[in-house]
Protein backbone atom coordinates (compact mmCIF):
# COMPACT_ATOMS: atom_id res chain seq x y z
CA UNK A 1 11.90 18.06 -12.95
CA UNK A 2 11.16 20.22 -9.90
CA UNK A 3 9.96 17.14 -7.99
CA UNK A 4 13.17 15.29 -8.86
CA UNK A 5 15.35 18.18 -7.67
CA UNK A 6 13.40 18.29 -4.41
CA UNK A 7 13.82 14.55 -3.94
CA UNK A 8 17.52 14.74 -4.71
CA UNK A 9 18.08 17.64 -2.30
CA UNK A 10 16.19 15.80 0.44
CA UNK A 11 18.15 12.64 -0.26
CA UNK A 12 21.46 14.51 -0.25
CA UNK A 13 20.74 16.06 3.14
CA UNK A 14 19.56 12.79 4.65
CA UNK A 15 22.39 10.88 3.04
CA UNK A 16 24.92 13.28 4.54
CA UNK A 17 23.39 12.75 7.95
CA UNK A 18 23.37 8.99 7.55
CA UNK A 19 26.92 8.81 6.19
CA UNK A 20 28.03 10.88 9.16
CA UNK A 21 26.62 8.10 11.34
CA UNK A 22 28.77 5.63 9.36
CA UNK A 23 31.80 7.67 10.43
CA UNK A 24 32.58 9.77 7.36
CA UNK A 25 33.79 13.31 7.93
CA UNK A 26 32.26 16.32 6.17
CA UNK A 27 34.86 16.45 3.39
CA UNK A 28 34.26 12.79 2.54
CA UNK A 29 30.50 13.37 2.56
CA UNK A 30 30.68 16.32 0.19
CA UNK A 31 33.06 14.41 -2.06
CA UNK A 32 30.72 11.41 -2.34
CA UNK A 33 27.65 13.57 -2.99
CA UNK A 34 29.41 15.73 -5.59
CA UNK A 35 30.67 12.59 -7.28
CA UNK A 36 27.16 11.42 -8.20
CA UNK A 37 27.30 13.97 -11.02
CA UNK A 38 31.02 14.62 -11.49
CA UNK A 39 32.53 11.16 -11.02
CA UNK A 40 29.83 8.50 -11.30
CA UNK A 41 32.38 5.67 -11.54
CA UNK A 42 33.64 6.62 -8.08
CA UNK A 43 30.08 6.44 -6.74
CA UNK A 44 29.59 3.04 -8.35
CA UNK A 45 32.81 1.70 -6.86
CA UNK A 46 32.09 3.26 -3.46
CA UNK A 47 28.50 1.99 -3.32
CA UNK A 48 29.61 -1.51 -4.34
CA UNK A 49 32.15 -1.51 -1.49
CA UNK A 50 29.60 -0.16 0.97
CA UNK A 51 26.99 -2.74 0.01
CA UNK A 52 29.53 -5.43 0.94
CA UNK A 53 29.76 -3.95 4.44
CA UNK A 54 26.06 -3.05 4.74
CA UNK A 55 24.22 -5.52 2.47
CA UNK A 56 20.77 -4.54 3.73
CA UNK A 57 21.22 -0.78 3.82
CA UNK A 58 18.30 0.95 2.18
CA UNK A 59 20.36 4.13 2.02
CA UNK A 60 23.13 2.51 -0.03
CA UNK A 61 20.56 1.00 -2.41
CA UNK A 62 19.03 4.47 -2.74
CA UNK A 63 22.44 5.86 -3.74
CA UNK A 64 22.81 3.04 -6.25
CA UNK A 65 19.36 3.92 -7.63
CA UNK A 66 20.36 7.59 -7.98
CA UNK A 67 23.51 6.49 -9.80
CA UNK A 68 21.44 4.43 -12.24
CA UNK A 69 19.07 7.36 -12.81
CA UNK A 70 22.07 9.57 -13.57
CA UNK A 71 23.13 6.95 -16.17
CA UNK A 72 19.53 6.78 -17.56
CA UNK A 73 19.37 3.10 -16.59
CA UNK A 74 15.83 3.31 -15.30
CA UNK A 75 15.12 -0.40 -14.98
CA UNK A 76 18.28 -0.88 -12.92
CA UNK A 77 17.31 2.20 -10.89
CA UNK A 78 13.90 0.66 -10.27
CA UNK A 79 15.48 -2.58 -9.10
CA UNK A 80 17.69 -0.67 -6.63
CA UNK A 81 14.74 1.42 -5.41
CA UNK A 82 12.77 -1.79 -4.82
CA UNK A 83 15.67 -3.09 -2.70
CA UNK A 84 15.76 0.18 -0.78
CA UNK A 85 12.07 -0.24 0.01
CA UNK A 86 12.55 -3.89 0.95
CA UNK A 87 15.30 -3.05 3.46
CA UNK A 88 13.74 0.18 4.69
CA UNK A 89 12.79 0.37 8.34
CA UNK A 90 11.30 2.92 10.69
CA UNK A 91 14.78 3.73 11.99
CA UNK A 92 16.22 4.70 8.59
CA UNK A 93 17.15 8.31 8.00
CA UNK A 94 15.73 8.24 4.50
CA UNK A 95 12.05 7.48 4.82
CA UNK A 96 9.91 5.12 2.81
CA UNK A 97 8.05 8.19 1.62
CA UNK A 98 11.19 9.52 -0.09
CA UNK A 99 11.89 6.14 -1.65
CA UNK A 100 8.33 5.97 -3.01
CA UNK A 101 8.81 9.46 -4.47
CA UNK A 102 11.99 8.36 -6.18
CA UNK A 103 10.38 5.18 -7.48
CA UNK A 104 7.40 7.21 -8.69
CA UNK A 105 9.80 9.40 -10.65
CA UNK A 106 11.45 6.32 -12.18
CA UNK A 107 8.08 4.87 -13.21
CA UNK A 108 7.23 8.22 -14.79
CA UNK A 109 10.46 8.12 -16.80
CA UNK A 110 9.59 4.68 -18.21
CA UNK A 111 6.01 5.83 -18.94
CA UNK A 112 4.33 3.56 -16.38
CA UNK A 113 2.04 6.34 -15.26
CA UNK A 114 -0.37 4.32 -13.10
CA UNK A 115 2.49 2.86 -11.07
CA UNK A 116 4.03 6.32 -10.84
CA UNK A 117 0.80 7.80 -9.52
CA UNK A 118 0.39 4.89 -7.07
CA UNK A 119 3.88 5.47 -5.64
CA UNK A 120 3.40 9.24 -5.37
CA UNK A 121 0.09 8.57 -3.60
CA UNK A 122 1.80 6.16 -1.17
CA UNK A 123 4.48 8.77 -0.51
CA UNK A 124 1.88 11.41 0.33
CA UNK A 125 -0.04 9.01 2.59
CA UNK A 126 3.15 8.22 4.51
CA UNK A 127 4.23 11.84 4.78
CA UNK A 128 1.70 14.59 4.17
CA UNK A 129 4.53 17.16 3.91
CA UNK A 130 6.18 15.27 1.06
C-alpha cells in the first residue's frame, strides 16, 4: 500500500505539471486530481474527451489506468497501463519507470507475482531512485 501511495503522489505531481502544459489552470488541475477519488465519473468523461484530442498520450492512458484501479477493474487498468507504456517517450513528464511501477502494482493485485516483480525490476533499472 505504501508503494501505491508513493506512485500515486508521484503521478499526481507529474500529472499536474503535464496538465499545466496542456493549458489547464491550477484550479482545474486540483479539481481533476481530486475527482479521481471523489467523482470518478467526471474523470472517466474527462479522460475520454482528452484521449480524443491526444490519442497517443501516455499520461492520459495513465489517468485512465488509475481510474480503473480505483474501480478495482484491474484487467482494464492493465490494458491502459500497457497503452501508456506503448505511447511513452523520453519527452514525457511521467517516466516509463513510474508506469512500470504502476503496472507492477496491478500485476500484484491480480496475483501475477512474477510479472509484478519483473515490472518492479524494470522500474528500478530505469530509475535507481524509484
